[in-house]
Amino acid sequence: MFRNLLLLPLLMLLALAGPQPRAQSAQVDLVRVDKAARTLSLIGNGVVLHRFSIRLGGTPVGHKQREGDRRTPEGRYMLDFKKADSSFYRAIHISYPNAADRANARRLGVSPGGAIMIHGQPNGFRLPANSTQALPYDWTDGCIALSNADMTTLWRLVRVPTPIEINP
């Protein structure tokens, strides 16, 4: 009984202080794309923190070989910079092409292409940042597209540089 009386003032102070801040969620240390499932996952400490529905290039099967093939690259790259003033609702650049991609393109006698991004919907659609609307088919030139609302979340949670793994 005496111990309970000593705890009562402490409990009252805690109650008056309001809710305690929650521990921060795990930081995103990997972005993983599953092209076949059309998903992008944000991973922190080996745990999927968020999963988003995505759209890919207009020719989604296979690894990007050359500029204009409308394929989304496959492999391991880096998200290396953010671009707020894109033609799409926000964009995060993927470090494609890497040395192997450039060597393959040289062997084929073509340009490997570039400017591959994760981005929201085209700005011409005038969708607000919180819009969950997205084109329902693969439509990009090789990029990874999300709804604007999902892109807002991704933009907030992913720091650059962060590795990205794009799987078939």
N, C-alpha and C. Protein backbone atom coordinates (compact mmCIF):
# COMPACT_ATOMS: atom_id res chain seq x y z
N MET A 1 0.82 -1.18 0.00
CA MET A 1 0.00 0.00 0.00
C MET A 1 0.87 1.26 0.00
N PHE A 2 1.89 1.30 0.87
CA PHE A 2 2.78 2.45 0.97
C PHE A 2 3.51 2.69 -0.35
N ARG A 3 3.97 1.58 -1.02
CA ARG A 3 4.65 1.71 -2.29
C ARG A 3 3.71 2.31 -3.34
N ASN A 4 2.44 1.92 -3.34
CA ASN A 4 1.47 2.44 -4.30
C ASN A 4 1.27 3.94 -4.11
N LEU A 5 1.29 4.42 -2.88
CA LEU A 5 1.13 5.84 -2.61
C LEU A 5 2.32 6.64 -3.14
N LEU A 6 3.51 6.06 -3.09
CA LEU A 6 4.69 6.74 -3.62
C LEU A 6 4.65 6.79 -5.15
N LEU A 7 4.08 5.79 -5.79
CA LEU A 7 4.00 5.74 -7.25
C LEU A 7 2.93 6.66 -7.80
N LEU A 8 1.91 6.96 -7.00
CA LEU A 8 0.79 7.75 -7.48
C LEU A 8 1.21 9.12 -8.01
N PRO A 9 2.05 9.92 -7.29
CA PRO A 9 2.46 11.22 -7.84
C PRO A 9 3.24 11.07 -9.15
N LEU A 10 4.07 10.03 -9.25
CA LEU A 10 4.84 9.81 -10.47
C LEU A 10 3.90 9.49 -11.63
N LEU A 11 2.91 8.66 -11.40
CA LEU A 11 1.95 8.32 -12.45
C LEU A 11 1.15 9.54 -12.87
N MET A 12 0.81 10.40 -11.92
CA MET A 12 0.06 11.61 -12.24
C MET A 12 0.91 12.56 -13.10
N LEU A 13 2.20 12.69 -12.79
CA LEU A 13 3.09 13.53 -13.60
C LEU A 13 3.21 13.00 -15.02
N LEU A 14 3.33 11.69 -15.16
CA LEU A 14 3.42 11.09 -16.49
C LEU A 14 2.14 11.33 -17.28
N ALA A 15 1.00 11.22 -16.63
CA ALA A 15 -0.27 11.44 -17.30
C ALA A 15 -0.40 12.89 -17.76
N LEU A 16 0.06 13.83 -16.94
CA LEU A 16 -0.01 15.24 -17.30
C LEU A 16 0.96 15.59 -18.43
N ALA A 17 2.04 14.86 -18.53
CA ALA A 17 3.04 15.14 -19.55
C ALA A 17 2.53 14.80 -20.95
N GLY A 18 1.46 14.06 -21.05
CA GLY A 18 0.90 13.70 -22.36
C GLY A 18 1.57 12.46 -22.92
N PRO A 19 1.20 12.13 -24.13
CA PRO A 19 1.74 10.91 -24.73
C PRO A 19 3.25 11.03 -24.96
N GLN A 20 3.93 9.95 -24.74
CA GLN A 20 5.37 9.90 -24.93
C GLN A 20 5.67 9.66 -26.41
N PRO A 21 6.75 10.25 -26.91
CA PRO A 21 7.09 10.01 -28.32
C PRO A 21 7.39 8.55 -28.56
N ARG A 22 6.95 8.07 -29.71
CA ARG A 22 7.23 6.67 -30.06
C ARG A 22 8.64 6.57 -30.59
N ALA A 23 9.19 5.39 -30.45
CA ALA A 23 10.52 5.15 -31.00
C ALA A 23 10.44 5.33 -32.52
N GLN A 24 11.47 5.93 -33.10
CA GLN A 24 11.47 6.14 -34.54
C GLN A 24 11.48 4.80 -35.25
N SER A 25 10.76 4.75 -36.38
CA SER A 25 10.74 3.52 -37.15
C SER A 25 12.09 3.32 -37.81
N ALA A 26 12.33 2.10 -38.24
CA ALA A 26 13.60 1.76 -38.87
C ALA A 26 13.82 2.61 -40.11
N GLN A 27 15.06 2.97 -40.35
CA GLN A 27 15.41 3.74 -41.53
C GLN A 27 15.46 2.82 -42.74
N VAL A 28 15.04 3.32 -43.87
CA VAL A 28 15.08 2.55 -45.11
C VAL A 28 16.53 2.39 -45.53
N ASP A 29 16.97 1.14 -45.66
CA ASP A 29 18.35 0.90 -46.09
C ASP A 29 18.42 0.14 -47.42
N LEU A 30 17.25 -0.20 -47.98
CA LEU A 30 17.19 -0.87 -49.28
C LEU A 30 15.81 -0.64 -49.88
N VAL A 31 15.79 -0.39 -51.18
CA VAL A 31 14.54 -0.35 -51.94
C VAL A 31 14.59 -1.56 -52.85
N ARG A 32 13.55 -2.39 -52.80
CA ARG A 32 13.51 -3.61 -53.62
C ARG A 32 12.29 -3.56 -54.53
N VAL A 33 12.54 -3.78 -55.83
CA VAL A 33 11.48 -3.79 -56.83
C VAL A 33 11.31 -5.22 -57.33
N ASP A 34 10.08 -5.68 -57.38
CA ASP A 34 9.73 -6.96 -57.99
C ASP A 34 8.91 -6.64 -59.23
N LYS A 35 9.57 -6.68 -60.39
CA LYS A 35 8.91 -6.29 -61.62
C LYS A 35 7.71 -7.17 -61.93
N ALA A 36 7.83 -8.48 -61.75
CA ALA A 36 6.73 -9.40 -62.07
C ALA A 36 5.50 -9.12 -61.21
N ALA A 37 5.71 -8.83 -59.94
CA ALA A 37 4.60 -8.57 -59.01
C ALA A 37 4.15 -7.11 -59.05
N ARG A 38 4.92 -6.25 -59.76
CA ARG A 38 4.64 -4.81 -59.84
C ARG A 38 4.58 -4.19 -58.45
N THR A 39 5.62 -4.49 -57.63
CA THR A 39 5.69 -3.91 -56.29
C THR A 39 7.06 -3.30 -56.04
N LEU A 40 7.07 -2.29 -55.19
CA LEU A 40 8.29 -1.66 -54.70
C LEU A 40 8.19 -1.70 -53.18
N SER A 41 9.22 -2.25 -52.53
CA SER A 41 9.23 -2.38 -51.07
C SER A 41 10.35 -1.54 -50.47
N LEU A 42 10.03 -0.87 -49.39
CA LEU A 42 11.03 -0.14 -48.61
C LEU A 42 11.42 -1.04 -47.45
N ILE A 43 12.72 -1.32 -47.33
CA ILE A 43 13.20 -2.29 -46.35
C ILE A 43 14.15 -1.60 -45.39
N GLY A 44 13.98 -1.89 -44.11
CA GLY A 44 14.86 -1.39 -43.07
C GLY A 44 15.22 -2.53 -42.14
N ASN A 45 16.50 -2.77 -41.96
CA ASN A 45 16.97 -3.87 -41.10
C ASN A 45 16.34 -5.21 -41.48
N GLY A 46 16.16 -5.44 -42.78
CA GLY A 46 15.64 -6.72 -43.26
C GLY A 46 14.13 -6.86 -43.17
N VAL A 47 13.43 -5.83 -42.73
CA VAL A 47 11.98 -5.87 -42.56
C VAL A 47 11.32 -4.95 -43.59
N VAL A 48 10.27 -5.44 -44.24
CA VAL A 48 9.52 -4.60 -45.18
C VAL A 48 8.72 -3.59 -44.38
N LEU A 49 9.03 -2.30 -44.59
CA LEU A 49 8.36 -1.22 -43.87
C LEU A 49 7.13 -0.71 -44.63
N HIS A 50 7.23 -0.70 -45.96
CA HIS A 50 6.13 -0.26 -46.83
C HIS A 50 6.23 -1.04 -48.13
N ARG A 51 5.08 -1.27 -48.75
CA ARG A 51 5.05 -1.89 -50.08
C ARG A 51 4.07 -1.10 -50.93
N PHE A 52 4.48 -0.77 -52.16
CA PHE A 52 3.68 0.03 -53.07
C PHE A 52 3.45 -0.70 -54.38
N SER A 53 2.34 -0.42 -54.99
CA SER A 53 2.03 -0.88 -56.34
C SER A 53 2.74 0.05 -57.32
N ILE A 54 3.32 -0.51 -58.38
CA ILE A 54 4.07 0.29 -59.34
C ILE A 54 3.66 -0.03 -60.77
N ARG A 55 4.08 0.84 -61.68
CA ARG A 55 3.99 0.62 -63.12
C ARG A 55 5.39 0.78 -63.68
N LEU A 56 5.66 0.06 -64.77
CA LEU A 56 7.00 -0.01 -65.34
C LEU A 56 7.02 0.55 -66.75
N GLY A 57 8.13 0.28 -67.43
CA GLY A 57 8.26 0.65 -68.83
C GLY A 57 7.25 -0.10 -69.67
N GLY A 58 6.94 0.45 -70.83
CA GLY A 58 5.94 -0.13 -71.73
C GLY A 58 6.30 -1.52 -72.25
N THR A 59 7.57 -1.91 -72.16
CA THR A 59 8.02 -3.26 -72.51
C THR A 59 8.72 -3.80 -71.26
N PRO A 60 7.95 -4.28 -70.30
CA PRO A 60 8.51 -4.51 -68.96
C PRO A 60 9.37 -5.76 -68.79
N VAL A 61 9.26 -6.75 -69.67
CA VAL A 61 9.99 -8.00 -69.46
C VAL A 61 11.41 -7.86 -69.98
N GLY A 62 12.36 -8.25 -69.13
CA GLY A 62 13.77 -8.21 -69.51
C GLY A 62 14.48 -6.97 -69.03
N HIS A 63 15.80 -7.07 -69.02
CA HIS A 63 16.68 -5.98 -68.57
C HIS A 63 16.84 -4.94 -69.68
N LYS A 64 16.92 -3.70 -69.29
CA LYS A 64 17.13 -2.61 -70.25
C LYS A 64 18.44 -2.85 -71.00
N GLN A 65 18.38 -2.81 -72.34
CA GLN A 65 19.56 -3.04 -73.17
C GLN A 65 20.05 -1.78 -73.86
N ARG A 66 19.10 -0.89 -74.20
CA ARG A 66 19.45 0.28 -75.00
C ARG A 66 18.43 1.39 -74.79
N GLU A 67 18.86 2.57 -75.16
CA GLU A 67 17.96 3.72 -75.11
C GLU A 67 16.75 3.46 -76.00
N GLY A 68 15.56 3.76 -75.49
CA GLY A 68 14.34 3.65 -76.28
C GLY A 68 13.68 2.29 -76.27
N ASP A 69 14.24 1.30 -75.55
CA ASP A 69 13.62 -0.03 -75.56
C ASP A 69 12.44 -0.15 -74.59
N ARG A 70 12.19 0.91 -73.81
CA ARG A 70 11.06 1.00 -72.86
C ARG A 70 11.08 -0.09 -71.80
N ARG A 71 12.28 -0.63 -71.53
CA ARG A 71 12.44 -1.62 -70.46
C ARG A 71 12.96 -0.95 -69.20
N THR A 72 12.56 -1.50 -68.07
CA THR A 72 13.07 -1.06 -66.77
C THR A 72 14.29 -1.91 -66.46
N PRO A 73 15.41 -1.31 -66.08
CA PRO A 73 16.61 -2.10 -65.81
C PRO A 73 16.40 -3.12 -64.70
N GLU A 74 17.26 -4.11 -64.65
CA GLU A 74 17.27 -5.11 -63.58
C GLU A 74 18.68 -5.15 -63.01
N GLY A 75 18.77 -5.35 -61.72
CA GLY A 75 20.07 -5.43 -61.06
C GLY A 75 20.12 -4.52 -59.86
N ARG A 76 21.35 -4.26 -59.42
CA ARG A 76 21.57 -3.45 -58.23
C ARG A 76 22.14 -2.09 -58.64
N TYR A 77 21.51 -1.05 -58.18
CA TYR A 77 21.89 0.33 -58.49
C TYR A 77 21.80 1.15 -57.21
N MET A 78 21.99 2.46 -57.34
CA MET A 78 21.82 3.37 -56.21
C MET A 78 20.77 4.42 -56.56
N LEU A 79 19.99 4.79 -55.58
CA LEU A 79 19.16 5.98 -55.69
C LEU A 79 20.09 7.10 -55.28
N ASP A 80 20.47 7.95 -56.25
CA ASP A 80 21.58 8.86 -55.98
C ASP A 80 21.23 10.34 -55.88
N PHE A 81 20.06 10.74 -56.37
CA PHE A 81 19.64 12.13 -56.11
C PHE A 81 18.13 12.26 -56.30
N LYS A 82 17.58 13.29 -55.65
CA LYS A 82 16.16 13.59 -55.75
C LYS A 82 15.97 14.79 -56.67
N LYS A 83 14.86 14.77 -57.41
CA LYS A 83 14.57 15.85 -58.37
C LYS A 83 13.12 16.31 -58.15
N ALA A 84 12.97 17.43 -57.49
CA ALA A 84 11.64 17.95 -57.20
C ALA A 84 11.00 18.59 -58.42
N ASP A 85 11.81 19.06 -59.37
CA ASP A 85 11.29 19.79 -60.53
C ASP A 85 11.26 18.92 -61.79
N SER A 86 10.81 17.71 -61.64
CA SER A 86 10.72 16.76 -62.75
C SER A 86 9.45 17.03 -63.57
N SER A 87 9.33 16.38 -64.72
CA SER A 87 8.10 16.43 -65.52
C SER A 87 7.00 15.58 -64.89
N PHE A 88 7.36 14.86 -63.84
CA PHE A 88 6.44 14.00 -63.12
C PHE A 88 6.39 14.49 -61.68
N TYR A 89 5.42 13.98 -60.92
CA TYR A 89 5.34 14.38 -59.52
C TYR A 89 6.53 13.80 -58.77
N ARG A 90 7.53 14.59 -58.53
CA ARG A 90 8.77 14.23 -57.85
C ARG A 90 9.47 13.06 -58.53
N ALA A 91 10.76 12.97 -58.37
CA ALA A 91 11.52 11.88 -58.97
C ALA A 91 12.78 11.62 -58.16
N ILE A 92 13.15 10.36 -58.09
CA ILE A 92 14.41 9.95 -57.47
C ILE A 92 15.18 9.17 -58.54
N HIS A 93 16.39 9.63 -58.83
CA HIS A 93 17.20 9.05 -59.90
C HIS A 93 17.81 7.70 -59.50
N ILE A 94 17.79 6.77 -60.45
CA ILE A 94 18.43 5.45 -60.32
C ILE A 94 19.74 5.52 -61.10
N SER A 95 20.83 5.01 -60.56
CA SER A 95 22.15 5.18 -61.15
C SER A 95 22.42 4.32 -62.39
N TYR A 96 21.38 3.93 -63.12
CA TYR A 96 21.54 3.26 -64.40
C TYR A 96 22.03 4.27 -65.43
N PRO A 97 22.97 3.95 -66.30
CA PRO A 97 23.63 2.66 -66.49
C PRO A 97 24.88 2.52 -65.61
N ASN A 98 25.16 1.30 -65.19
CA ASN A 98 26.41 1.05 -64.47
C ASN A 98 27.47 0.61 -65.49
N ALA A 99 28.64 0.25 -65.02
CA ALA A 99 29.74 -0.10 -65.93
C ALA A 99 29.38 -1.29 -66.82
N ALA A 100 28.71 -2.30 -66.26
CA ALA A 100 28.32 -3.48 -67.05
C ALA A 100 27.29 -3.10 -68.12
N ASP A 101 26.36 -2.21 -67.78
CA ASP A 101 25.36 -1.77 -68.75
C ASP A 101 26.02 -1.01 -69.90
N ARG A 102 26.98 -0.14 -69.57
CA ARG A 102 27.69 0.61 -70.61
C ARG A 102 28.50 -0.32 -71.50
N ALA A 103 29.17 -1.31 -70.89
CA ALA A 103 29.97 -2.27 -71.68
C ALA A 103 29.07 -3.09 -72.60
N ASN A 104 27.92 -3.51 -72.11
CA ASN A 104 26.98 -4.29 -72.94
C ASN A 104 26.47 -3.44 -74.11
N ALA A 105 26.15 -2.19 -73.84
CA ALA A 105 25.67 -1.31 -74.91
C ALA A 105 26.77 -1.08 -75.94
N ARG A 106 28.01 -0.90 -75.47
CA ARG A 106 29.14 -0.74 -76.41
C ARG A 106 29.28 -1.96 -77.30
N ARG A 107 29.16 -3.15 -76.70
CA ARG A 107 29.25 -4.40 -77.45
C ARG A 107 28.15 -4.48 -78.50
N LEU A 108 26.96 -3.96 -78.17
CA LEU A 108 25.83 -3.98 -79.11
C LEU A 108 25.86 -2.81 -80.09
N GLY A 109 26.74 -1.85 -79.83
CA GLY A 109 26.84 -0.68 -80.69
C GLY A 109 25.67 0.28 -80.54
N VAL A 110 25.14 0.38 -79.31
CA VAL A 110 23.99 1.25 -79.05
C VAL A 110 24.26 2.11 -77.81
N SER A 111 23.41 3.10 -77.59
CA SER A 111 23.45 3.89 -76.37
C SER A 111 22.68 3.13 -75.28
N PRO A 112 23.22 3.08 -74.04
CA PRO A 112 22.50 2.37 -72.98
C PRO A 112 21.26 3.13 -72.50
N GLY A 113 21.15 4.41 -72.84
CA GLY A 113 20.06 5.22 -72.30
C GLY A 113 20.42 5.69 -70.90
N GLY A 114 19.48 6.30 -70.26
CA GLY A 114 19.72 6.82 -68.91
C GLY A 114 18.49 7.55 -68.42
N ALA A 115 18.68 8.41 -67.45
CA ALA A 115 17.58 9.18 -66.85
C ALA A 115 16.46 8.27 -66.36
N ILE A 116 16.82 7.15 -65.75
CA ILE A 116 15.83 6.22 -65.19
C ILE A 116 15.54 6.69 -63.77
N MET A 117 14.26 6.82 -63.46
CA MET A 117 13.83 7.39 -62.18
C MET A 117 12.68 6.57 -61.57
N ILE A 118 12.48 6.79 -60.30
CA ILE A 118 11.23 6.43 -59.64
C ILE A 118 10.48 7.75 -59.55
N HIS A 119 9.23 7.77 -60.01
CA HIS A 119 8.50 9.04 -59.99
C HIS A 119 7.00 8.81 -59.85
N GLY A 120 6.29 9.91 -59.62
CA GLY A 120 4.84 9.88 -59.55
C GLY A 120 4.24 10.01 -60.94
N GLN A 121 3.02 10.48 -60.99
CA GLN A 121 2.27 10.60 -62.24
C GLN A 121 2.70 11.85 -63.01
N PRO A 122 2.42 11.90 -64.32
CA PRO A 122 2.81 13.08 -65.11
C PRO A 122 2.18 14.36 -64.56
N ASN A 123 2.97 15.42 -64.52
CA ASN A 123 2.47 16.70 -64.01
C ASN A 123 1.29 17.22 -64.84
N GLY A 124 1.23 16.87 -66.11
CA GLY A 124 0.14 17.32 -66.98
C GLY A 124 -1.23 16.83 -66.53
N PHE A 125 -1.28 15.80 -65.71
CA PHE A 125 -2.56 15.30 -65.21
C PHE A 125 -3.11 16.16 -64.09
N ARG A 126 -2.27 17.02 -63.53
CA ARG A 126 -2.66 17.93 -62.45
C ARG A 126 -3.31 17.21 -61.28
N LEU A 127 -2.72 16.11 -60.89
CA LEU A 127 -3.20 15.37 -59.72
C LEU A 127 -2.53 15.94 -58.47
N PRO A 128 -3.27 16.07 -57.38
CA PRO A 128 -2.65 16.59 -56.16
C PRO A 128 -1.67 15.57 -55.56
N ALA A 129 -0.84 16.06 -54.65
CA ALA A 129 0.18 15.22 -54.01
C ALA A 129 -0.42 14.02 -53.28
N ASN A 130 -1.63 14.17 -52.78
CA ASN A 130 -2.24 13.07 -52.02
C ASN A 130 -3.11 12.17 -52.90
N SER A 131 -3.01 12.32 -54.21
CA SER A 131 -3.83 11.51 -55.12
C SER A 131 -3.35 10.07 -55.15
N THR A 132 -4.29 9.15 -55.03
CA THR A 132 -3.97 7.72 -55.15
C THR A 132 -4.23 7.22 -56.57
N GLN A 133 -4.65 8.11 -57.47
CA GLN A 133 -4.89 7.72 -58.85
C GLN A 133 -3.56 7.46 -59.55
N ALA A 134 -3.57 6.44 -60.41
CA ALA A 134 -2.38 6.12 -61.20
C ALA A 134 -2.84 5.46 -62.48
N LEU A 135 -2.05 5.65 -63.53
CA LEU A 135 -2.38 4.97 -64.78
C LEU A 135 -2.37 3.46 -64.53
N PRO A 136 -3.36 2.73 -65.02
CA PRO A 136 -3.52 1.32 -64.67
C PRO A 136 -2.73 0.34 -65.54
N TYR A 137 -1.73 0.81 -66.28
CA TYR A 137 -0.96 -0.06 -67.17
C TYR A 137 0.49 0.41 -67.16
N ASP A 138 1.40 -0.42 -67.67
CA ASP A 138 2.81 -0.04 -67.78
C ASP A 138 2.94 1.00 -68.88
N TRP A 139 3.50 2.16 -68.55
CA TRP A 139 3.46 3.27 -69.49
C TRP A 139 4.75 4.07 -69.59
N THR A 140 5.71 3.85 -68.69
CA THR A 140 6.89 4.71 -68.69
C THR A 140 7.86 4.31 -69.80
N ASP A 141 8.90 5.10 -69.97
CA ASP A 141 9.95 4.78 -70.94
C ASP A 141 11.04 3.90 -70.33
N GLY A 142 10.78 3.36 -69.15
CA GLY A 142 11.75 2.51 -68.45
C GLY A 142 11.85 2.85 -66.98
N CYS A 143 11.13 3.88 -66.56
CA CYS A 143 11.13 4.29 -65.16
C CYS A 143 10.18 3.43 -64.34
N ILE A 144 10.11 3.74 -63.06
CA ILE A 144 9.20 3.07 -62.12
C ILE A 144 8.24 4.15 -61.62
N ALA A 145 6.95 3.95 -61.86
CA ALA A 145 5.96 4.98 -61.52
C ALA A 145 5.06 4.52 -60.37
N LEU A 146 4.75 5.46 -59.50
CA LEU A 146 3.84 5.24 -58.37
C LEU A 146 2.73 6.28 -58.43
N SER A 147 1.71 6.10 -57.61
CA SER A 147 0.72 7.17 -57.44
C SER A 147 1.43 8.33 -56.75
N ASN A 148 0.88 9.52 -56.85
CA ASN A 148 1.50 10.68 -56.20
C ASN A 148 1.53 10.51 -54.69
N ALA A 149 0.48 9.95 -54.10
CA ALA A 149 0.45 9.75 -52.65
C ALA A 149 1.58 8.81 -52.23
N ASP A 150 1.77 7.72 -52.98
CA ASP A 150 2.85 6.79 -52.65
C ASP A 150 4.21 7.44 -52.88
N MET A 151 4.33 8.27 -53.91
CA MET A 151 5.59 8.96 -54.17
C MET A 151 5.90 9.94 -53.04
N THR A 152 4.88 10.58 -52.47
CA THR A 152 5.08 11.47 -51.33
C THR A 152 5.68 10.69 -50.16
N THR A 153 5.15 9.51 -49.90
CA THR A 153 5.66 8.67 -48.81
C THR A 153 7.09 8.24 -49.09
N LEU A 154 7.34 7.76 -50.31
CA LEU A 154 8.67 7.32 -50.69
C LEU A 154 9.67 8.47 -50.55
N TRP A 155 9.33 9.64 -51.03
CA TRP A 155 10.18 10.83 -50.98
C TRP A 155 10.56 11.16 -49.53
N ARG A 156 9.58 11.03 -48.65
CA ARG A 156 9.79 11.36 -47.24
C ARG A 156 10.69 10.34 -46.53
N LEU A 157 10.56 9.06 -46.90
CA LEU A 157 11.24 8.00 -46.16
C LEU A 157 12.60 7.59 -46.72
N VAL A 158 12.84 7.83 -48.00
CA VAL A 158 14.09 7.36 -48.62
C VAL A 158 15.08 8.51 -48.69
N ARG A 159 16.25 8.27 -48.15
CA ARG A 159 17.35 9.23 -48.24
C ARG A 159 18.28 8.78 -49.35
N VAL A 160 18.99 9.71 -49.91
CA VAL A 160 19.97 9.36 -50.94
C VAL A 160 21.37 9.59 -50.38
N PRO A 161 22.29 8.68 -50.67
CA PRO A 161 22.14 7.50 -51.50
C PRO A 161 21.54 6.33 -50.72
N THR A 162 20.74 5.52 -51.42
CA THR A 162 20.19 4.28 -50.90
C THR A 162 20.25 3.24 -52.01
N PRO A 163 20.67 2.01 -51.71
CA PRO A 163 20.69 0.98 -52.76
C PRO A 163 19.28 0.60 -53.20
N ILE A 164 19.17 0.27 -54.49
CA ILE A 164 17.93 -0.25 -55.04
C ILE A 164 18.25 -1.54 -55.78
N GLU A 165 17.43 -2.54 -55.55
CA GLU A 165 17.57 -3.85 -56.17
C GLU A 165 16.32 -4.06 -57.03
N ILE A 166 16.52 -4.21 -58.34
CA ILE A 166 15.40 -4.38 -59.26
C ILE A 166 15.44 -5.81 -59.78
N ASN A 167 14.45 -6.59 -59.38
CA ASN A 167 14.39 -8.01 -59.73
C ASN A 167 13.37 -8.27 -60.84
N PRO A 168 13.66 -9.29 -61.67
CA PRO A 168 12.71 -9.61 -62.75
C PRO A 168 11.37 -9.96 -62.19
